[in-house]
Amino acid sequence: MMTKIFAARIKKDLLRLAVFSLITVVIWLGLVTYRTLTQPLIKPDVKKQLEPLTASLALDTMDQVNQRLKTPAIDWSSLSQAAPVFLVEEASPSSEPNVSEPTE
């Protein structure tokens, strides 16, 4: 059985725990709210991607594109068709399995 002193002590400890929990939750919510309000909505990478494109084309960019190495054309007609590969050889009907009797 619980004594009155023990019951009063438990109530006091539970009240203390509830107050500390409430303070923790209020501080946590305040920090999360502050962080959410101070963070920029658009990240720098996205902001850079959202910049409008210019309507003019720089001539030096066109020169760089023209100076790129060009790959030679491939002559596909020179390739021959590969021979079929059989993964399992077919057994001839005349061949019988080699069965030997066990020796003692």
PDB file of N, CA and C in Angstrom:
ATOM      1  N   MET A   1       0.823  -1.179   0.000  1.00  0.00           N
ATOM      2  CA  MET A   1       0.000   0.000   0.000  1.00  0.00           C
ATOM      3  C   MET A   1       0.867   1.243   0.000  1.00  0.00           C
ATOM      4  N   MET A   2       0.327   2.246  -0.640  1.00  0.00           N
ATOM      5  CA  MET A   2       1.043   3.507  -0.702  1.00  0.00           C
ATOM      6  C   MET A   2       0.715   4.356   0.508  1.00  0.00           C
ATOM      7  N   THR A   3       1.743   4.929   0.988  1.00  0.00           N
ATOM      8  CA  THR A   3       1.503   5.859   2.086  1.00  0.00           C
ATOM      9  C   THR A   3       1.214   7.238   1.520  1.00  0.00           C
ATOM     10  N   LYS A   4       0.698   8.094   2.343  1.00  0.00           N
ATOM     11  CA  LYS A   4       0.353   9.447   1.880  1.00  0.00           C
ATOM     12  C   LYS A   4       1.603  10.226   1.474  1.00  0.00           C
ATOM     13  N   ILE A   5       2.688  10.022   2.167  1.00  0.00           N
ATOM     14  CA  ILE A   5       3.933  10.732   1.844  1.00  0.00           C
ATOM     15  C   ILE A   5       4.461  10.276   0.478  1.00  0.00           C
ATOM     16  N   PHE A   6       4.405   8.948   0.255  1.00  0.00           N
ATOM     17  CA  PHE A   6       4.873   8.403  -1.021  1.00  0.00           C
ATOM     18  C   PHE A   6       3.996   8.879  -2.172  1.00  0.00           C
ATOM     19  N   ALA A   7       2.676   8.928  -1.979  1.00  0.00           N
ATOM     20  CA  ALA A   7       1.753   9.398  -3.010  1.00  0.00           C
ATOM     21  C   ALA A   7       1.988  10.876  -3.308  1.00  0.00           C
ATOM     22  N   ALA A   8       2.216  11.667  -2.278  1.00  0.00           N
ATOM     23  CA  ALA A   8       2.484  13.092  -2.482  1.00  0.00           C
ATOM     24  C   ALA A   8       3.799  13.298  -3.221  1.00  0.00           C
ATOM     25  N   ARG A   9       4.785  12.460  -2.919  1.00  0.00           N
ATOM     26  CA  ARG A   9       6.085  12.569  -3.599  1.00  0.00           C
ATOM     27  C   ARG A   9       5.949  12.194  -5.079  1.00  0.00           C
ATOM     28  N   ILE A  10       5.174  11.167  -5.386  1.00  0.00           N
ATOM     29  CA  ILE A  10       4.957  10.763  -6.783  1.00  0.00           C
ATOM     30  C   ILE A  10       4.246  11.877  -7.541  1.00  0.00           C
ATOM     31  N   LYS A  11       3.233  12.487  -6.924  1.00  0.00           N
ATOM     32  CA  LYS A  11       2.519  13.593  -7.578  1.00  0.00           C
ATOM     33  C   LYS A  11       3.472  14.754  -7.852  1.00  0.00           C
ATOM     34  N   LYS A  12       4.326  15.039  -6.897  1.00  0.00           N
ATOM     35  CA  LYS A  12       5.285  16.136  -7.056  1.00  0.00           C
ATOM     36  C   LYS A  12       6.271  15.827  -8.197  1.00  0.00           C
ATOM     37  N   ASP A  13       6.744  14.583  -8.268  1.00  0.00           N
ATOM     38  CA  ASP A  13       7.684  14.188  -9.333  1.00  0.00           C
ATOM     39  C   ASP A  13       7.007  14.206 -10.699  1.00  0.00           C
ATOM     40  N   LEU A  14       5.764  13.745 -10.750  1.00  0.00           N
ATOM     41  CA  LEU A  14       5.041  13.762 -12.032  1.00  0.00           C
ATOM     42  C   LEU A  14       4.759  15.184 -12.483  1.00  0.00           C
ATOM     43  N   LEU A  15       4.442  16.070 -11.550  1.00  0.00           N
ATOM     44  CA  LEU A  15       4.227  17.473 -11.894  1.00  0.00           C
ATOM     45  C   LEU A  15       5.517  18.094 -12.426  1.00  0.00           C
ATOM     46  N   ARG A  16       6.633  17.804 -11.782  1.00  0.00           N
ATOM     47  CA  ARG A  16       7.924  18.303 -12.238  1.00  0.00           C
ATOM     48  C   ARG A  16       8.244  17.774 -13.650  1.00  0.00           C
ATOM     49  N   LEU A  17       8.001  16.494 -13.888  1.00  0.00           N
ATOM     50  CA  LEU A  17       8.238  15.890 -15.200  1.00  0.00           C
ATOM     51  C   LEU A  17       7.349  16.527 -16.272  1.00  0.00           C
ATOM     52  N   ALA A  18       6.085  16.771 -15.933  1.00  0.00           N
ATOM     53  CA  ALA A  18       5.167  17.397 -16.889  1.00  0.00           C
ATOM     54  C   ALA A  18       5.607  18.815 -17.227  1.00  0.00           C
ATOM     55  N   VAL A  19       6.075  19.568 -16.234  1.00  0.00           N
ATOM     56  CA  VAL A  19       6.525  20.944 -16.482  1.00  0.00           C
ATOM     57  C   VAL A  19       7.767  20.941 -17.370  1.00  0.00           C
ATOM     58  N   PHE A  20       8.739  20.080 -17.063  1.00  0.00           N
ATOM     59  CA  PHE A  20       9.950  20.005 -17.889  1.00  0.00           C
ATOM     60  C   PHE A  20       9.627  19.557 -19.315  1.00  0.00           C
ATOM     61  N   SER A  21       8.711  18.624 -19.473  1.00  0.00           N
ATOM     62  CA  SER A  21       8.305  18.175 -20.816  1.00  0.00           C
ATOM     63  C   SER A  21       7.640  19.309 -21.581  1.00  0.00           C
ATOM     64  N   LEU A  22       6.781  20.066 -20.922  1.00  0.00           N
ATOM     65  CA  LEU A  22       6.113  21.190 -21.562  1.00  0.00           C
ATOM     66  C   LEU A  22       7.128  22.248 -21.999  1.00  0.00           C
ATOM     67  N   ILE A  23       8.082  22.543 -21.130  1.00  0.00           N
ATOM     68  CA  ILE A  23       9.124  23.521 -21.486  1.00  0.00           C
ATOM     69  C   ILE A  23       9.933  23.028 -22.681  1.00  0.00           C
ATOM     70  N   THR A  24      10.274  21.742 -22.690  1.00  0.00           N
ATOM     71  CA  THR A  24      11.040  21.167 -23.797  1.00  0.00           C
ATOM     72  C   THR A  24      10.269  21.270 -25.113  1.00  0.00           C
ATOM     73  N   VAL A  25       8.997  20.937 -25.098  1.00  0.00           N
ATOM     74  CA  VAL A  25       8.181  20.984 -26.315  1.00  0.00           C
ATOM     75  C   VAL A  25       8.037  22.427 -26.808  1.00  0.00           C
ATOM     76  N   VAL A  26       7.837  23.371 -25.909  1.00  0.00           N
ATOM     77  CA  VAL A  26       7.686  24.776 -26.310  1.00  0.00           C
ATOM     78  C   VAL A  26       8.982  25.295 -26.928  1.00  0.00           C
ATOM     79  N   ILE A  27      10.130  24.986 -26.316  1.00  0.00           N
ATOM     80  CA  ILE A  27      11.420  25.418 -26.881  1.00  0.00           C
ATOM     81  C   ILE A  27      11.653  24.765 -28.230  1.00  0.00           C
ATOM     82  N   TRP A  28      11.338  23.480 -28.356  1.00  0.00           N
ATOM     83  CA  TRP A  28      11.525  22.755 -29.601  1.00  0.00           C
ATOM     84  C   TRP A  28      10.667  23.375 -30.713  1.00  0.00           C
ATOM     85  N   LEU A  29       9.411  23.632 -30.444  1.00  0.00           N
ATOM     86  CA  LEU A  29       8.527  24.242 -31.441  1.00  0.00           C
ATOM     87  C   LEU A  29       9.002  25.648 -31.810  1.00  0.00           C
ATOM     88  N   GLY A  30       9.483  26.399 -30.825  1.00  0.00           N
ATOM     89  CA  GLY A  30       9.993  27.738 -31.113  1.00  0.00           C
ATOM     90  C   GLY A  30      11.210  27.694 -32.026  1.00  0.00           C
ATOM     91  N   LEU A  31      12.143  26.781 -31.768  1.00  0.00           N
ATOM     92  CA  LEU A  31      13.333  26.668 -32.612  1.00  0.00           C
ATOM     93  C   LEU A  31      12.990  26.218 -34.029  1.00  0.00           C
ATOM     94  N   VAL A  32      12.073  25.264 -34.152  1.00  0.00           N
ATOM     95  CA  VAL A  32      11.671  24.786 -35.480  1.00  0.00           C
ATOM     96  C   VAL A  32      10.974  25.905 -36.252  1.00  0.00           C
ATOM     97  N   THR A  33      10.131  26.654 -35.588  1.00  0.00           N
ATOM     98  CA  THR A  33       9.434  27.769 -36.239  1.00  0.00           C
ATOM     99  C   THR A  33      10.429  28.840 -36.677  1.00  0.00           C
ATOM    100  N   TYR A  34      11.369  29.187 -35.812  1.00  0.00           N
ATOM    101  CA  TYR A  34      12.388  30.187 -36.159  1.00  0.00           C
ATOM    102  C   TYR A  34      13.219  29.721 -37.350  1.00  0.00           C
ATOM    103  N   ARG A  35      13.630  28.465 -37.333  1.00  0.00           N
ATOM    104  CA  ARG A  35      14.446  27.932 -38.441  1.00  0.00           C
ATOM    105  C   ARG A  35      13.662  27.931 -39.753  1.00  0.00           C
ATOM    106  N   THR A  36      12.392  27.600 -39.680  1.00  0.00           N
ATOM    107  CA  THR A  36      11.568  27.575 -40.887  1.00  0.00           C
ATOM    108  C   THR A  36      11.372  28.982 -41.446  1.00  0.00           C
ATOM    109  N   LEU A  37      11.180  29.949 -40.582  1.00  0.00           N
ATOM    110  CA  LEU A  37      10.942  31.322 -41.043  1.00  0.00           C
ATOM    111  C   LEU A  37      12.212  31.999 -41.553  1.00  0.00           C
ATOM    112  N   THR A  38      13.373  31.620 -41.048  1.00  0.00           N
ATOM    113  CA  THR A  38      14.612  32.277 -41.476  1.00  0.00           C
ATOM    114  C   THR A  38      15.278  31.587 -42.655  1.00  0.00           C
ATOM    115  N   GLN A  39      14.905  30.367 -42.969  1.00  0.00           N
ATOM    116  CA  GLN A  39      15.497  29.670 -44.118  1.00  0.00           C
ATOM    117  C   GLN A  39      14.953  30.257 -45.409  1.00  0.00           C
ATOM    118  N   PRO A  40      15.827  30.438 -46.421  1.00  0.00           N
ATOM    119  CA  PRO A  40      15.308  30.915 -47.706  1.00  0.00           C
ATOM    120  C   PRO A  40      14.424  29.841 -48.355  1.00  0.00           C
ATOM    121  N   LEU A  41      13.396  30.299 -49.034  1.00  0.00           N
ATOM    122  CA  LEU A  41      12.467  29.355 -49.654  1.00  0.00           C
ATOM    123  C   LEU A  41      13.069  28.695 -50.880  1.00  0.00           C
ATOM    124  N   ILE A  42      13.877  29.448 -51.637  1.00  0.00           N
ATOM    125  CA  ILE A  42      14.477  28.920 -52.852  1.00  0.00           C
ATOM    126  C   ILE A  42      15.968  28.722 -52.594  1.00  0.00           C
ATOM    127  N   LYS A  43      16.458  27.527 -52.848  1.00  0.00           N
ATOM    128  CA  LYS A  43      17.872  27.221 -52.632  1.00  0.00           C
ATOM    129  C   LYS A  43      18.709  27.892 -53.730  1.00  0.00           C
ATOM    130  N   PRO A  44      19.978  28.166 -53.469  1.00  0.00           N
ATOM    131  CA  PRO A  44      20.821  28.857 -54.450  1.00  0.00           C
ATOM    132  C   PRO A  44      20.944  28.114 -55.791  1.00  0.00           C
ATOM    133  N   ASP A  45      20.995  26.783 -55.751  1.00  0.00           N
ATOM    134  CA  ASP A  45      21.100  26.029 -57.004  1.00  0.00           C
ATOM    135  C   ASP A  45      19.864  26.234 -57.872  1.00  0.00           C
ATOM    136  N   VAL A  46      18.706  26.202 -57.255  1.00  0.00           N
ATOM    137  CA  VAL A  46      17.458  26.391 -58.004  1.00  0.00           C
ATOM    138  C   VAL A  46      17.363  27.830 -58.494  1.00  0.00           C
ATOM    139  N   LYS A  47      17.819  28.767 -57.677  1.00  0.00           N
ATOM    140  CA  LYS A  47      17.772  30.177 -58.072  1.00  0.00           C
ATOM    141  C   LYS A  47      18.628  30.407 -59.319  1.00  0.00           C
ATOM    142  N   LYS A  48      19.781  29.724 -59.388  1.00  0.00           N
ATOM    143  CA  LYS A  48      20.653  29.861 -60.557  1.00  0.00           C
ATOM    144  C   LYS A  48      19.982  29.254 -61.797  1.00  0.00           C
ATOM    145  N   GLN A  49      19.285  28.157 -61.623  1.00  0.00           N
ATOM    146  CA  GLN A  49      18.602  27.515 -62.746  1.00  0.00           C
ATOM    147  C   GLN A  49      17.405  28.330 -63.230  1.00  0.00           C
ATOM    148  N   LEU A  50      16.851  29.181 -62.380  1.00  0.00           N
ATOM    149  CA  LEU A  50      15.685  29.963 -62.747  1.00  0.00           C
ATOM    150  C   LEU A  50      16.025  31.266 -63.466  1.00  0.00           C
ATOM    151  N   GLU A  51      17.321  31.570 -63.615  1.00  0.00           N
ATOM    152  CA  GLU A  51      17.702  32.796 -64.306  1.00  0.00           C
ATOM    153  C   GLU A  51      17.241  32.718 -65.763  1.00  0.00           C
ATOM    154  N   PRO A  52      16.720  33.816 -66.309  1.00  0.00           N
ATOM    155  CA  PRO A  52      16.227  33.776 -67.688  1.00  0.00           C
ATOM    156  C   PRO A  52      17.384  33.656 -68.686  1.00  0.00           C
ATOM    157  N   LEU A  53      17.103  32.999 -69.800  1.00  0.00           N
ATOM    158  CA  LEU A  53      18.095  32.831 -70.853  1.00  0.00           C
ATOM    159  C   LEU A  53      18.145  34.088 -71.717  1.00  0.00           C
ATOM    160  N   THR A  54      19.318  34.363 -72.249  1.00  0.00           N
ATOM    161  CA  THR A  54      19.447  35.522 -73.139  1.00  0.00           C
ATOM    162  C   THR A  54      19.033  35.129 -74.546  1.00  0.00           C
ATOM    163  N   ALA A  55      18.522  36.081 -75.276  1.00  0.00           N
ATOM    164  CA  ALA A  55      18.057  35.803 -76.638  1.00  0.00           C
ATOM    165  C   ALA A  55      19.208  35.808 -77.634  1.00  0.00           C
ATOM    166  N   SER A  56      20.325  36.397 -77.292  1.00  0.00           N
ATOM    167  CA  SER A  56      21.462  36.447 -78.219  1.00  0.00           C
ATOM    168  C   SER A  56      22.396  35.273 -77.960  1.00  0.00           C
ATOM    169  N   LEU A  57      23.110  34.874 -78.994  1.00  0.00           N
ATOM    170  CA  LEU A  57      24.033  33.751 -78.913  1.00  0.00           C
ATOM    171  C   LEU A  57      25.445  34.281 -79.100  1.00  0.00           C
ATOM    172  N   ALA A  58      26.316  33.988 -78.184  1.00  0.00           N
ATOM    173  CA  ALA A  58      27.679  34.502 -78.256  1.00  0.00           C
ATOM    174  C   ALA A  58      28.439  33.811 -79.387  1.00  0.00           C
ATOM    175  N   LEU A  59      29.201  34.606 -80.157  1.00  0.00           N
ATOM    176  CA  LEU A  59      29.930  34.051 -81.297  1.00  0.00           C
ATOM    177  C   LEU A  59      31.070  33.153 -80.852  1.00  0.00           C
ATOM    178  N   ASP A  60      31.694  33.455 -79.718  1.00  0.00           N
ATOM    179  CA  ASP A  60      32.781  32.595 -79.260  1.00  0.00           C
ATOM    180  C   ASP A  60      32.267  31.214 -78.860  1.00  0.00           C
ATOM    181  N   THR A  61      31.037  31.136 -78.398  1.00  0.00           N
ATOM    182  CA  THR A  61      30.441  29.842 -78.102  1.00  0.00           C
ATOM    183  C   THR A  61      30.237  29.047 -79.382  1.00  0.00           C
ATOM    184  N   MET A  62      29.813  29.715 -80.440  1.00  0.00           N
ATOM    185  CA  MET A  62      29.640  29.026 -81.730  1.00  0.00           C
ATOM    186  C   MET A  62      30.984  28.543 -82.267  1.00  0.00           C
ATOM    187  N   ASP A  63      32.044  29.321 -82.069  1.00  0.00           N
ATOM    188  CA  ASP A  63      33.371  28.887 -82.511  1.00  0.00           C
ATOM    189  C   ASP A  63      33.819  27.656 -81.729  1.00  0.00           C
ATOM    190  N   GLN A  64      33.544  27.627 -80.449  1.00  0.00           N
ATOM    191  CA  GLN A  64      33.908  26.459 -79.630  1.00  0.00           C
ATOM    192  C   GLN A  64      33.159  25.217 -80.092  1.00  0.00           C
ATOM    193  N   VAL A  65      31.904  25.384 -80.467  1.00  0.00           N
ATOM    194  CA  VAL A  65      31.123  24.240 -80.938  1.00  0.00           C
ATOM    195  C   VAL A  65      31.675  23.742 -82.265  1.00  0.00           C
ATOM    196  N   ASN A  66      32.072  24.646 -83.139  1.00  0.00           N
ATOM    197  CA  ASN A  66      32.608  24.250 -84.445  1.00  0.00           C
ATOM    198  C   ASN A  66      33.971  23.592 -84.324  1.00  0.00           C
ATOM    199  N   GLN A  67      34.739  23.905 -83.280  1.00  0.00           N
ATOM    200  CA  GLN A  67      36.079  23.355 -83.124  1.00  0.00           C
ATOM    201  C   GLN A  67      36.088  22.007 -82.407  1.00  0.00           C
ATOM    202  N   ARG A  68      34.984  21.530 -81.999  1.00  0.00           N
ATOM    203  CA  ARG A  68      34.931  20.229 -81.329  1.00  0.00           C
ATOM    204  C   ARG A  68      35.366  19.135 -82.284  1.00  0.00           C
ATOM    205  N   LEU A  69      35.937  18.080 -81.713  1.00  0.00           N
ATOM    206  CA  LEU A  69      36.335  16.938 -82.532  1.00  0.00           C
ATOM    207  C   LEU A  69      35.087  16.215 -83.031  1.00  0.00           C
ATOM    208  N   LYS A  70      35.135  15.855 -84.271  1.00  0.00           N
ATOM    209  CA  LYS A  70      34.001  15.142 -84.848  1.00  0.00           C
ATOM    210  C   LYS A  70      34.365  13.666 -84.974  1.00  0.00           C
ATOM    211  N   THR A  71      33.432  12.803 -84.647  1.00  0.00           N
ATOM    212  CA  THR A  71      33.685  11.369 -84.750  1.00  0.00           C
ATOM    213  C   THR A  71      33.491  10.931 -86.190  1.00  0.00           C
ATOM    214  N   PRO A  72      34.347  10.030 -86.671  1.00  0.00           N
ATOM    215  CA  PRO A  72      34.191   9.559 -88.055  1.00  0.00           C
ATOM    216  C   PRO A  72      32.936   8.694 -88.187  1.00  0.00           C
ATOM    217  N   ALA A  73      32.417   8.668 -89.382  1.00  0.00           N
ATOM    218  CA  ALA A  73      31.227   7.857 -89.636  1.00  0.00           C
ATOM    219  C   ALA A  73      31.600   6.372 -89.590  1.00  0.00           C
ATOM    220  N   ILE A  74      30.687   5.557 -89.113  1.00  0.00           N
ATOM    221  CA  ILE A  74      30.941   4.128 -88.984  1.00  0.00           C
ATOM    222  C   ILE A  74      30.343   3.421 -90.186  1.00  0.00           C
ATOM    223  N   ASP A  75      31.131   2.512 -90.765  1.00  0.00           N
ATOM    224  CA  ASP A  75      30.656   1.730 -91.898  1.00  0.00           C
ATOM    225  C   ASP A  75      30.037   0.444 -91.359  1.00  0.00           C
ATOM    226  N   TRP A  76      28.726   0.451 -91.209  1.00  0.00           N
ATOM    227  CA  TRP A  76      28.028  -0.702 -90.631  1.00  0.00           C
ATOM    228  C   TRP A  76      27.983  -1.881 -91.600  1.00  0.00           C
ATOM    229  N   SER A  77      28.173  -1.649 -92.874  1.00  0.00           N
ATOM    230  CA  SER A  77      28.098  -2.753 -93.840  1.00  0.00           C
ATOM    231  C   SER A  77      29.314  -3.665 -93.738  1.00  0.00           C
ATOM    232  N   SER A  78      30.406  -3.197 -93.147  1.00  0.00           N
ATOM    233  CA  SER A  78      31.596  -4.034 -93.039  1.00  0.00           C
ATOM    234  C   SER A  78      31.467  -5.077 -91.936  1.00  0.00           C
ATOM    235  N   LEU A  79      30.485  -4.956 -91.094  1.00  0.00           N
ATOM    236  CA  LEU A  79      30.302  -5.929 -90.025  1.00  0.00           C
ATOM    237  C   LEU A  79      29.611  -7.165 -90.568  1.00  0.00           C
ATOM    238  N   SER A  80      30.113  -8.340 -90.169  1.00  0.00           N
ATOM    239  CA  SER A  80      29.481  -9.580 -90.632  1.00  0.00           C
ATOM    240  C   SER A  80      28.604 -10.126 -89.515  1.00  0.00           C
ATOM    241  N   GLN A  81      27.684 -10.966 -89.924  1.00  0.00           N
ATOM    242  CA  GLN A  81      26.766 -11.529 -88.942  1.00  0.00           C
ATOM    243  C   GLN A  81      27.504 -12.594 -88.146  1.00  0.00           C
ATOM    244  N   ALA A  82      27.310 -12.591 -86.863  1.00  0.00           N
ATOM    245  CA  ALA A  82      27.981 -13.556 -85.996  1.00  0.00           C
ATOM    246  C   ALA A  82      27.357 -14.933 -86.164  1.00  0.00           C
ATOM    247  N   ALA A  83      28.196 -15.952 -86.032  1.00  0.00           N
ATOM    248  CA  ALA A  83      27.707 -17.322 -86.129  1.00  0.00           C
ATOM    249  C   ALA A  83      26.937 -17.650 -84.860  1.00  0.00           C
ATOM    250  N   PRO A  84      25.884 -18.455 -84.975  1.00  0.00           N
ATOM    251  CA  PRO A  84      25.110 -18.793 -83.777  1.00  0.00           C
ATOM    252  C   PRO A  84      25.953 -19.626 -82.805  1.00  0.00           C
ATOM    253  N   VAL A  85      25.765 -19.391 -81.545  1.00  0.00           N
ATOM    254  CA  VAL A  85      26.500 -20.114 -80.505  1.00  0.00           C
ATOM    255  C   VAL A  85      25.525 -21.032 -79.801  1.00  0.00           C
ATOM    256  N   PHE A  86      25.867 -22.307 -79.754  1.00  0.00           N
ATOM    257  CA  PHE A  86      25.033 -23.296 -79.073  1.00  0.00           C
ATOM    258  C   PHE A  86      25.625 -23.555 -77.706  1.00  0.00           C
ATOM    259  N   LEU A  87      24.829 -23.312 -76.691  1.00  0.00           N
ATOM    260  CA  LEU A  87      25.318 -23.504 -75.337  1.00  0.00           C
ATOM    261  C   LEU A  87      25.261 -24.960 -74.899  1.00  0.00           C
ATOM    262  N   VAL A  88      24.312 -25.711 -75.447  1.00  0.00           N
ATOM    263  CA  VAL A  88      24.180 -27.129 -75.120  1.00  0.00           C
ATOM    264  C   VAL A  88      24.260 -27.894 -76.426  1.00  0.00           C
ATOM    265  N   GLU A  89      25.199 -28.831 -76.477  1.00  0.00           N
ATOM    266  CA  GLU A  89      25.324 -29.615 -77.698  1.00  0.00           C
ATOM    267  C   GLU A  89      24.229 -30.668 -77.724  1.00  0.00           C
ATOM    268  N   GLU A  90      23.722 -30.894 -78.916  1.00  0.00           N
ATOM    269  CA  GLU A  90      22.687 -31.909 -79.060  1.00  0.00           C
ATOM    270  C   GLU A  90      23.337 -33.282 -79.102  1.00  0.00           C
ATOM    271  N   ALA A  91      22.759 -34.236 -78.377  1.00  0.00           N
ATOM    272  CA  ALA A  91      23.296 -35.593 -78.357  1.00  0.00           C
ATOM    273  C   ALA A  91      22.782 -36.346 -79.570  1.00  0.00           C
ATOM    274  N   SER A  92      23.666 -37.092 -80.187  1.00  0.00           N
ATOM    275  CA  SER A  92      23.231 -37.868 -81.359  1.00  0.00           C
ATOM    276  C   SER A  92      22.458 -39.097 -80.874  1.00  0.00           C
ATOM    277  N   PRO A  93      21.460 -39.547 -81.624  1.00  0.00           N
ATOM    278  CA  PRO A  93      20.635 -40.670 -81.164  1.00  0.00           C
ATOM    279  C   PRO A  93      21.411 -41.977 -81.077  1.00  0.00           C
ATOM    280  N   SER A  94      22.504 -42.136 -81.824  1.00  0.00           N
ATOM    281  CA  SER A  94      23.221 -43.409 -81.817  1.00  0.00           C
ATOM    282  C   SER A  94      24.114 -43.558 -80.593  1.00  0.00           C
ATOM    283  N   SER A  95      24.466 -42.489 -79.979  1.00  0.00           N
ATOM    284  CA  SER A  95      25.353 -42.589 -78.830  1.00  0.00           C
ATOM    285  C   SER A  95      24.558 -42.900 -77.578  1.00  0.00           C
ATOM    286  N   GLU A  96      25.049 -43.862 -76.815  1.00  0.00           N
ATOM    287  CA  GLU A  96      24.395 -44.253 -75.599  1.00  0.00           C
ATOM    288  C   GLU A  96      25.281 -43.808 -74.424  1.00  0.00           C
ATOM    289  N   PRO A  97      24.690 -43.542 -73.293  1.00  0.00           N
ATOM    290  CA  PRO A  97      25.510 -43.132 -72.151  1.00  0.00           C
ATOM    291  C   PRO A  97      26.469 -44.239 -71.743  1.00  0.00           C
ATOM    292  N   ASN A  98      27.609 -43.856 -71.284  1.00  0.00           N
ATOM    293  CA  ASN A  98      28.627 -44.778 -70.855  1.00  0.00           C
ATOM    294  C   ASN A  98      28.342 -45.181 -69.413  1.00  0.00           C
ATOM    295  N   VAL A  99      27.795 -46.378 -69.226  1.00  0.00           N
ATOM    296  CA  VAL A  99      27.417 -46.834 -67.894  1.00  0.00           C
ATOM    297  C   VAL A  99      28.368 -47.967 -67.504  1.00  0.00           C
ATOM    298  N   SER A 100      29.017 -47.828 -66.416  1.00  0.00           N
ATOM    299  CA  SER A 100      29.895 -48.896 -65.960  1.00  0.00           C
ATOM    300  C   SER A 100      29.330 -49.445 -64.665  1.00  0.00           C
ATOM    301  N   GLU A 101      29.532 -50.719 -64.473  1.00  0.00           N
ATOM    302  CA  GLU A 101      29.013 -51.349 -63.258  1.00  0.00           C
ATOM    303  C   GLU A 101      29.988 -51.111 -62.121  1.00  0.00           C
ATOM    304  N   PRO A 102      29.474 -50.946 -60.905  1.00  0.00           N
ATOM    305  CA  PRO A 102      30.379 -50.722 -59.779  1.00  0.00           C
ATOM    306  C   PRO A 102      31.226 -51.948 -59.500  1.00  0.00           C
ATOM    307  N   THR A 103      32.472 -51.700 -59.143  1.00  0.00           N
ATOM    308  CA  THR A 103      33.361 -52.801 -58.803  1.00  0.00           C
ATOM    309  C   THR A 103      33.454 -52.925 -57.298  1.00  0.00           C
ATOM    310  N   GLU A 104      33.684 -54.159 -56.898  1.00  0.00           N
ATOM    311  CA  GLU A 104      33.758 -54.390 -55.455  1.00  0.00           C
ATOM    312  C   GLU A 104      35.159 -54.475 -54.977  1.00  0.00           C
TER     313      GLU A 104
END
